[in-house]
Protein backbone atom coordinates (compact mmCIF):
# COMPACT_ATOMS: atom_id res chain seq x y z
CA MET A 1 -0.07 -0.26 0.23
CA LEU A 2 1.51 3.63 -0.64
CA LEU A 3 1.12 6.38 2.27
CA THR A 4 0.62 9.59 1.06
CA VAL A 5 1.68 12.63 3.40
CA ASP A 6 0.86 15.72 3.02
CA VAL A 7 2.23 18.50 5.77
CA GLY A 8 0.48 21.67 5.92
CA ASN A 9 0.63 24.74 8.24
CA THR A 10 -2.54 23.97 10.07
CA ASN A 11 -2.99 20.05 9.49
CA ILE A 12 -1.03 16.86 8.45
CA VAL A 13 -3.11 14.73 6.36
CA LEU A 14 -2.54 11.07 5.70
CA GLY A 15 -3.82 8.86 3.14
CA LEU A 16 -3.36 4.98 2.23
CA TRP A 17 -3.84 3.77 -1.51
CA SER A 18 -4.51 0.39 -2.25
CA GLY A 19 -3.73 1.05 -6.25
CA ASP A 20 -6.16 3.70 -7.60
CA ALA A 21 -8.33 3.34 -4.35
CA LEU A 22 -7.95 5.51 -1.41
CA VAL A 23 -8.55 3.23 1.51
CA GLY A 24 -8.22 5.44 4.35
CA ASP A 25 -7.53 8.96 5.57
CA TRP A 26 -6.60 10.92 8.46
CA ARG A 27 -5.98 14.28 10.14
CA MET A 28 -3.82 15.61 12.84
CA ARG A 29 -2.63 18.90 13.89
CA THR A 30 0.56 20.27 12.46
CA ASP A 31 3.05 21.01 15.50
CA ALA A 32 6.43 22.49 14.25
CA ARG A 33 8.15 21.22 17.13
CA ILE A 34 7.30 17.72 17.01
CA THR A 35 10.00 15.55 16.39
CA ALA A 36 10.95 12.23 13.55
CA ASP A 37 9.96 10.06 16.69
CA GLU A 38 7.03 11.46 17.71
CA LEU A 39 5.61 11.75 14.09
CA ALA A 40 6.69 8.31 13.54
CA LEU A 41 4.71 7.28 16.50
CA THR A 42 1.74 9.03 15.45
CA VAL A 43 1.31 7.67 11.88
CA ARG A 44 1.77 4.31 12.96
CA GLY A 45 -0.90 4.51 15.43
CA LEU A 46 -3.42 6.26 13.06
CA LEU A 47 -2.66 3.51 10.24
CA GLY A 48 -3.61 0.68 12.99
CA PRO A 49 -3.56 -2.24 11.85
CA HIS A 50 -1.91 -1.00 8.19
CA ALA A 51 0.91 0.50 9.49
CA ASP A 52 3.15 -2.68 8.35
CA ALA A 53 1.67 -2.90 5.10
CA VAL A 54 2.99 0.35 3.61
CA THR A 55 4.98 -0.74 0.69
CA GLY A 56 5.92 2.77 -0.60
CA ILE A 57 5.51 6.46 0.60
CA SER A 58 5.05 9.91 -1.11
CA ALA A 59 5.26 13.16 1.20
CA LEU A 60 5.29 16.75 1.10
CA SER A 61 5.48 19.49 3.39
CA THR A 62 5.12 23.30 3.39
CA VAL A 63 6.79 23.65 6.97
CA PRO A 64 10.47 23.53 6.74
CA ALA A 65 10.77 22.65 10.50
CA VAL A 66 8.35 19.41 9.80
CA LEU A 67 10.26 18.75 6.47
CA ARG A 68 13.51 18.09 8.07
CA GLU A 69 11.72 15.77 11.00
CA LEU A 70 9.79 14.28 8.25
CA ARG A 71 12.95 13.09 6.29
CA VAL A 72 14.64 11.93 9.35
CA MET A 73 11.30 9.74 10.27
CA LEU A 74 11.33 8.11 6.65
CA GLY A 75 14.83 7.59 6.91
CA ARG A 76 15.09 6.02 10.38
CA TYR A 77 11.77 4.02 10.06
CA TYR A 78 10.62 3.52 6.66
CA ALA A 79 14.53 2.81 5.62
CA GLY A 80 13.83 0.13 2.93
CA VAL A 81 10.47 1.50 1.50
CA PRO A 82 10.59 3.15 -1.83
CA LYS A 83 9.55 6.89 -1.07
CA ILE A 84 9.63 10.57 -2.97
CA VAL A 85 9.61 13.82 -1.17
CA VAL A 86 8.00 16.71 -3.47
CA GLU A 87 10.62 19.39 -3.78
CA PRO A 88 12.38 20.99 -6.65
CA GLY A 89 14.00 18.59 -9.18
CA VAL A 90 11.29 15.74 -8.48
CA ARG A 91 9.71 14.75 -11.68
CA THR A 92 6.10 15.70 -11.74
CA GLY A 93 5.39 16.46 -15.22
CA VAL A 94 3.87 20.10 -14.32
CA ALA A 95 5.34 23.11 -16.44
CA LEU A 96 5.57 26.13 -14.07
CA LEU A 97 4.70 29.13 -16.14
CA VAL A 98 5.47 31.61 -13.35
CA ASP A 99 8.51 34.14 -12.68
CA ASN A 100 10.09 31.95 -10.23
CA PRO A 101 9.15 27.99 -10.64
CA LYS A 102 10.88 27.36 -6.75
CA GLU A 103 8.65 29.74 -5.33
CA VAL A 104 5.33 27.30 -6.15
CA GLY A 105 4.60 25.21 -2.91
CA ALA A 106 4.78 21.21 -3.49
CA ASP A 107 1.03 21.10 -2.40
CA ARG A 108 0.16 23.51 -5.24
CA LEU A 109 2.01 21.25 -7.59
CA ALA A 110 0.42 17.89 -6.24
CA ASN A 111 -2.87 19.70 -6.98
CA THR A 112 -2.03 20.62 -10.38
CA LEU A 113 -1.28 17.15 -11.21
CA ALA A 114 -4.16 15.84 -9.92
CA ALA A 115 -6.96 17.99 -11.36
CA HIS A 116 -5.40 17.71 -14.93
CA HIS A 117 -5.45 14.08 -14.07
CA LEU A 118 -9.23 14.25 -13.35
CA HIS A 119 -10.06 16.89 -16.22
CA ARG A 120 -7.67 15.97 -18.98
CA GLY A 121 -8.06 18.50 -21.87
CA THR A 122 -9.83 21.13 -19.78
CA ALA A 123 -8.58 24.40 -18.03
CA CYS A 124 -9.10 24.17 -14.44
CA VAL A 125 -9.15 26.33 -11.40
CA VAL A 126 -8.36 24.74 -7.90
CA VAL A 127 -9.48 26.62 -4.64
CA ASP A 128 -7.53 25.18 -1.72
CA PHE A 129 -9.29 25.95 1.59
CA GLY A 130 -6.36 25.63 4.14
CA THR A 131 -4.75 28.08 6.43
CA SER A 132 -4.48 30.20 3.39
CA THR A 133 -7.21 30.22 0.97
CA ASN A 134 -5.04 29.49 -2.75
CA VAL A 135 -6.94 29.57 -5.95
CA ASP A 136 -4.48 28.50 -8.62
CA ALA A 137 -5.08 28.51 -12.45
CA ILE A 138 -3.88 25.37 -14.54
CA SER A 139 -4.32 25.44 -18.62
CA ALA A 140 -6.08 22.45 -20.65
CA ARG A 141 -2.55 21.15 -21.08
CA GLY A 142 -1.93 20.69 -17.54
CA GLU A 143 0.19 23.82 -17.33
CA PHE A 144 0.65 25.64 -13.64
CA LEU A 145 -0.30 29.37 -14.38
CA GLY A 146 0.12 31.12 -11.24
CA GLY A 147 -2.99 32.07 -9.14
CA ALA A 148 -3.98 34.25 -6.19
CA PHE A 149 -3.56 33.98 -2.18
CA ALA A 150 -6.09 35.25 0.07
CA PRO A 151 -6.20 34.90 4.11
CA GLY A 152 -7.91 31.58 5.16
CA ILE A 153 -11.11 31.42 7.01
CA GLU A 154 -9.94 30.60 10.54
CA ILE A 155 -6.37 33.03 10.38
CA SER A 156 -9.61 35.78 9.59
CA VAL A 157 -11.63 34.70 12.42
CA ASP A 158 -8.71 34.72 14.79
CA ALA A 159 -7.62 37.93 13.60
CA LEU A 160 -10.73 39.51 13.77
CA ALA A 161 -11.68 38.27 17.43
CA LEU A 162 -7.63 39.64 18.72
CA ARG A 163 -8.23 43.15 17.12
CA ALA A 164 -11.85 43.74 18.00
CA ALA A 165 -12.32 44.43 21.39
CA ALA A 166 -16.13 43.67 21.57
CA LEU A 167 -15.98 40.61 19.04
CA ARG A 168 -15.09 36.87 19.65
CA LYS A 169 -14.45 33.64 17.85
CA VAL A 170 -17.70 31.69 16.74
CA GLU A 171 -18.58 28.52 15.58
CA LEU A 172 -18.07 28.65 11.80
CA ALA A 173 -21.66 27.57 10.85
CA PRO A 174 -24.33 29.17 8.90
CA PRO A 175 -26.57 31.83 10.37
CA ARG A 176 -30.45 31.56 10.07
CA SER A 177 -30.20 34.37 7.59
CA VAL A 178 -27.54 36.77 5.76
CA ILE A 179 -28.99 39.73 8.07
CA GLY A 180 -27.22 38.91 11.48
CA LYS A 181 -29.84 39.73 14.32
CA ASN A 182 -27.06 39.24 16.82
CA THR A 183 -23.62 39.60 17.15
CA VAL A 184 -22.44 35.77 16.43
CA GLU A 185 -24.86 35.95 13.48
CA CYS A 186 -23.39 38.80 12.23
CA LEU A 187 -20.04 37.52 12.63
CA GLN A 188 -20.98 34.18 10.97
CA SER A 189 -22.82 35.88 7.94
CA GLY A 190 -19.71 38.08 7.14
CA ILE A 191 -17.30 35.12 7.19
CA LEU A 192 -19.49 32.31 5.56
CA TYR A 193 -20.79 34.68 2.87
CA GLY A 194 -18.25 36.88 2.71
CA PHE A 195 -15.57 34.46 2.06
CA ALA A 196 -17.93 32.66 -0.59
CA GLY A 197 -18.44 35.68 -2.52
CA GLN A 198 -14.30 36.67 -2.35
CA VAL A 199 -13.92 33.19 -3.71
CA ASP A 200 -16.69 33.32 -6.74
CA GLY A 201 -15.23 36.87 -7.23
CA LEU A 202 -11.85 35.80 -7.85
CA VAL A 203 -12.89 32.40 -9.75
CA ARG A 204 -14.85 34.33 -12.19
CA ARG A 205 -12.08 36.64 -12.87
CA ILE A 206 -9.78 34.04 -13.40
CA VAL A 207 -12.24 32.16 -15.99
CA ARG A 208 -12.42 35.15 -17.83
CA GLU A 209 -8.54 35.00 -18.38
CA LEU A 210 -8.86 31.41 -19.08
CA SER A 211 -11.28 31.62 -21.35
CA PRO A 212 -11.91 35.02 -23.07
CA SER A 213 -14.31 34.16 -25.06
CA GLY A 214 -16.13 32.16 -22.60
CA THR A 215 -16.85 28.89 -24.91
CA GLU A 216 -14.29 27.04 -23.37
CA PRO A 217 -14.95 24.77 -20.24
CA VAL A 218 -13.29 25.30 -16.97
CA ALA A 219 -13.69 23.05 -14.24
CA VAL A 220 -13.59 24.77 -10.76
CA LEU A 221 -12.33 22.13 -7.83
CA ALA A 222 -12.43 22.48 -4.14
CA THR A 223 -10.44 21.20 -1.55
CA GLY A 224 -8.67 21.49 1.89
CA GLY A 225 -9.97 21.18 5.48
CA LEU A 226 -12.51 24.11 5.33
CA ALA A 227 -14.31 23.76 2.01
CA PRO A 228 -17.52 21.98 3.00
CA LEU A 229 -18.10 25.29 5.09
CA VAL A 230 -18.34 27.33 1.84
CA LEU A 231 -19.38 24.51 -0.88
CA GLY A 232 -23.15 25.19 -0.24
CA GLU A 233 -22.73 28.95 -0.46
CA SER A 234 -20.26 28.79 -3.67
CA GLU A 235 -21.79 29.69 -7.13
CA THR A 236 -18.54 28.77 -8.97
CA ILE A 237 -17.39 25.73 -7.37
CA THR A 238 -18.22 22.71 -9.83
CA ASP A 239 -16.19 19.73 -8.09
CA HIS A 240 -15.27 18.78 -4.51
CA VAL A 241 -12.19 16.48 -4.07
CA PRO A 242 -10.91 16.68 -0.17
CA GLU A 243 -8.55 14.01 -1.72
CA LEU A 244 -7.22 15.73 -4.37
CA THR A 245 -3.30 16.63 -2.86
CA LEU A 246 -3.41 12.79 -1.54
CA LEU A 247 -4.50 11.67 -5.48
CA GLY A 248 -1.17 14.54 -6.60
CA LEU A 249 0.89 12.47 -4.23
CA ARG A 250 0.07 9.33 -5.91
CA LEU A 251 0.58 10.51 -9.07
CA VAL A 252 4.22 11.77 -8.17
CA TYR A 253 5.07 8.37 -6.52
CA GLU A 254 4.22 6.81 -9.91
CA ARG A 255 5.84 9.04 -11.77
CA ASN A 256 9.38 8.55 -10.27
CA ILE A 257 8.79 5.08 -8.52
CA ARG A 258 8.54 2.29 -10.78
CA PRO A 259 6.72 -1.09 -9.02
């Protein structure tokens, strides 16, 4: 079985693949202070009965401190297992049509590869709802064209509670109506419908650049832990693919390590 590991700024997501099928996935909080031994213990605990069935590993990390410990863990606990860590120099098949390709995060590369795999021959927009909200553009040929960053939902909620004395953190849930009748509902309305509008606005502008005539189809894929919060209110998202980054990691592994 192939173990895929996606280390993000907020969460570490694990996926276990049997061929093309994702047989299990787990999510844990990212701690920049975690050690290689702690990481290995947690991973084995989450995998449970599948811990000894791992025959390959594909991983990425957008957190440098955890990337270092991830490498140590892979070398110490999975020494005999074929493995790949997505970083500059690793073959992905993705052309990076940006000013500085080294700036493109490994997660954005994995998402690009997976989106093109799912919608080959169609331009795509990937909206990744994570620590930041990333909106990336992908050509019909699978080229990474760039995108836009916006503060993530949780970051914005935390910042608002920190800077506004009369406001506080609230549950991320839909209010009774857009017009809030109390402080909690006002915050929930602004967060939910505000972010949905932000995403739709960015996506529409990107789609106009990808398809100036409006005749070429463009798939809009949502992924990331906070995507379900916005899905029902977005007018532009066409697909929800929670395992998109894990799929990209699987595809990178298949490109670089043959059975």
